[in-house]
C-alpha atoms as a PDB file:
ATOM      1  CA  MET A   1       4.645 -12.679  -9.061  1.00  0.00           C
ATOM      2  CA  ALA A   2       7.863 -10.749  -8.520  1.00  0.00           C
ATOM      3  CA  LYS A   3       7.835  -8.135  -5.795  1.00  0.00           C
ATOM      4  CA  ARG A   4       8.568  -4.583  -6.952  1.00  0.00           C
ATOM      5  CA  TYR A   5      10.728  -2.202  -4.966  1.00  0.00           C
ATOM      6  CA  PRO A   6      10.923   1.590  -5.346  1.00  0.00           C
ATOM      7  CA  ALA A   7      14.038   2.891  -7.121  1.00  0.00           C
ATOM      8  CA  GLU A   8      15.031   4.909  -4.045  1.00  0.00           C
ATOM      9  CA  PHE A   9      14.914   1.772  -1.872  1.00  0.00           C
ATOM     10  CA  LYS A  10      17.087  -0.142  -4.359  1.00  0.00           C
ATOM     11  CA  GLN A  11      19.586   2.697  -4.599  1.00  0.00           C
ATOM     12  CA  ASN A  12      19.836   2.902  -0.817  1.00  0.00           C
ATOM     13  CA  ILE A  13      20.716  -0.801  -0.596  1.00  0.00           C
ATOM     14  CA  ILE A  14      23.186  -0.510  -3.488  1.00  0.00           C
ATOM     15  CA  ASP A  15      24.895   2.416  -1.762  1.00  0.00           C
ATOM     16  CA  LEU A  16      25.126   0.566   1.554  1.00  0.00           C
ATOM     17  CA  TYR A  17      26.693  -2.418  -0.190  1.00  0.00           C
ATOM     18  CA  GLN A  18      29.089  -0.490  -2.433  1.00  0.00           C
ATOM     19  CA  HIS A  19      30.354   1.698   0.411  1.00  0.00           C
ATOM     20  CA  LYS A  20      31.015  -1.496   2.395  1.00  0.00           C
ATOM     21  CA  ILE A  21      28.734  -0.383   5.205  1.00  0.00           C
ATOM     22  CA  LYS A  22      26.939  -3.739   5.168  1.00  0.00           C
ATOM     23  CA  SER A  23      27.393  -7.026   3.355  1.00  0.00           C
ATOM     24  CA  ALA A  24      24.802  -8.504   1.006  1.00  0.00           C
ATOM     25  CA  PRO A  25      23.714 -11.164   3.553  1.00  0.00           C
ATOM     26  CA  GLU A  26      23.278  -8.486   6.243  1.00  0.00           C
ATOM     27  CA  LEU A  27      21.227  -6.314   3.904  1.00  0.00           C
ATOM     28  CA  ALA A  28      19.111  -9.275   2.818  1.00  0.00           C
ATOM     29  CA  LYS A  29      18.290 -10.159   6.410  1.00  0.00           C
ATOM     30  CA  GLU A  30      17.684  -6.583   7.569  1.00  0.00           C
ATOM     31  CA  TYR A  31      15.533  -5.448   4.628  1.00  0.00           C
ATOM     32  CA  GLY A  32      13.856  -8.734   3.759  1.00  0.00           C
ATOM     33  CA  VAL A  33      15.220  -8.779   0.226  1.00  0.00           C
ATOM     34  CA  GLY A  34      16.744 -11.872  -1.344  1.00  0.00           C
ATOM     35  CA  TYR A  35      20.523 -12.103  -1.316  1.00  0.00           C
ATOM     36  CA  SER A  36      20.622 -12.806  -5.067  1.00  0.00           C
ATOM     37  CA  THR A  37      18.294  -9.858  -5.694  1.00  0.00           C
ATOM     38  CA  ILE A  38      20.730  -7.515  -3.962  1.00  0.00           C
ATOM     39  CA  LEU A  39      23.643  -8.867  -6.000  1.00  0.00           C
ATOM     40  CA  LYS A  40      21.591  -8.428  -9.192  1.00  0.00           C
ATOM     41  CA  TRP A  41      20.822  -4.807  -8.281  1.00  0.00           C
ATOM     42  CA  VAL A  42      24.487  -4.117  -7.555  1.00  0.00           C
ATOM     43  CA  SER A  43      25.726  -5.694 -10.790  1.00  0.00           C
ATOM     44  CA  GLY A  44      23.017  -3.851 -12.749  1.00  0.00           C
ATOM     45  CA  SER A  45      24.173  -0.541 -11.312  1.00  0.00           C
ATOM     46  CA  GLN A  46      27.816  -0.924 -12.341  1.00  0.00           C
ATOM     47  CA  LYS A  47      28.921   0.776 -15.537  1.00  0.00           C
ATOM     48  CA  SER A  48      30.183  -1.369 -18.380  1.00  0.00           C
ATOM     49  CA  PRO A  49      33.756  -0.651 -19.519  1.00  0.00           C
ATOM     50  CA  VAL A  50      32.618  -1.154 -23.125  1.00  0.00           C
ATOM     51  CA  ASN A  51      29.830   1.417 -23.448  1.00  0.00           C
ATOM     52  CA  GLY A  52      29.924   3.266 -20.117  1.00  0.00           C
ATOM     53  CA  LEU A  53      26.312   2.378 -19.322  1.00  0.00           C
ATOM     54  CA  THR A  54      24.838   0.411 -16.469  1.00  0.00           C
ATOM     55  CA  ALA A  55      22.899  -2.729 -17.357  1.00  0.00           C
ATOM     56  CA  ASP A  56      19.655  -0.871 -16.626  1.00  0.00           C
ATOM     57  CA  GLU A  57      20.668   2.072 -18.817  1.00  0.00           C
ATOM     58  CA  ALA A  58      21.648  -0.258 -21.663  1.00  0.00           C
ATOM     59  CA  LYS A  59      18.306  -2.055 -21.401  1.00  0.00           C
ATOM     60  CA  GLU A  60      16.428   1.264 -21.503  1.00  0.00           C
ATOM     61  CA  SER A  61      18.511   2.437 -24.465  1.00  0.00           C
ATOM     62  CA  LYS A  62      17.631  -0.731 -26.402  1.00  0.00           C
ATOM     63  CA  ARG A  63      13.949  -0.266 -25.554  1.00  0.00           C
ATOM     64  CA  ILE A  64      13.985   3.331 -26.797  1.00  0.00           C
ATOM     65  CA  LYS A  65      15.770   2.320 -30.001  1.00  0.00           C
ATOM     66  CA  ARG A  66      13.193  -0.426 -30.634  1.00  0.00           C
ATOM     67  CA  LEU A  67      10.327   2.023 -30.073  1.00  0.00           C
ATOM     68  CA  GLU A  68      11.899   4.547 -32.426  1.00  0.00           C
ATOM     69  CA  GLU A  69      12.212   1.859 -35.103  1.00  0.00           C
ATOM     70  CA  GLU A  70       8.543   0.948 -34.664  1.00  0.00           C
ATOM     71  CA  LYS A  71       7.410   4.560 -34.959  1.00  0.00           C
ATOM     72  CA  PRO A  72       7.707   4.841 -38.782  1.00  0.00           C
ATOM     73  CA  ASP A  73       5.720   1.616 -39.171  1.00  0.00           C
ATOM     74  CA  SER A  74       2.986   3.087 -37.015  1.00  0.00           C
ATOM     75  CA  LYS A  75       2.822   6.192 -39.203  1.00  0.00           C
ATOM     76  CA  LYS A  76       2.496   4.054 -42.334  1.00  0.00           C
ATOM     77  CA  THR A  77      -0.274   2.042 -40.726  1.00  0.00           C
ATOM     78  CA  LEU A  78      -2.152   5.192 -39.725  1.00  0.00           C
ATOM     79  CA  LYS A  79      -1.901   6.545 -43.283  1.00  0.00           C
ATOM     80  CA  LEU A  80      -3.269   3.277 -44.698  1.00  0.00           C
ATOM     81  CA  LEU A  81      -6.136   3.259 -42.212  1.00  0.00           C
ATOM     82  CA  ALA A  82      -6.923   6.908 -42.954  1.00  0.00           C
ATOM     83  CA  LYS A  83      -7.288   6.148 -46.675  1.00  0.00           C
ATOM     84  CA  ASP A  84     -10.048   3.599 -46.012  1.00  0.00           C
END
């Protein structure tokens, strides 16, 4: 099972890396986080030149859009169930 890290912890590591205070290998060793995990966090925090969103923001936007599309179907289902 994947280990979960608090958002504040991730952001702290991203900031240390992006401000060139420490390298990814140094951060991985010091904080006990995988090197590839740190690189994934950093790349996920960078804004896309296409839509101006980070990878995480784009993922959340897609999730919200999907939920909004499902909402009318749920209302129809509730109406059908209420008729029975």
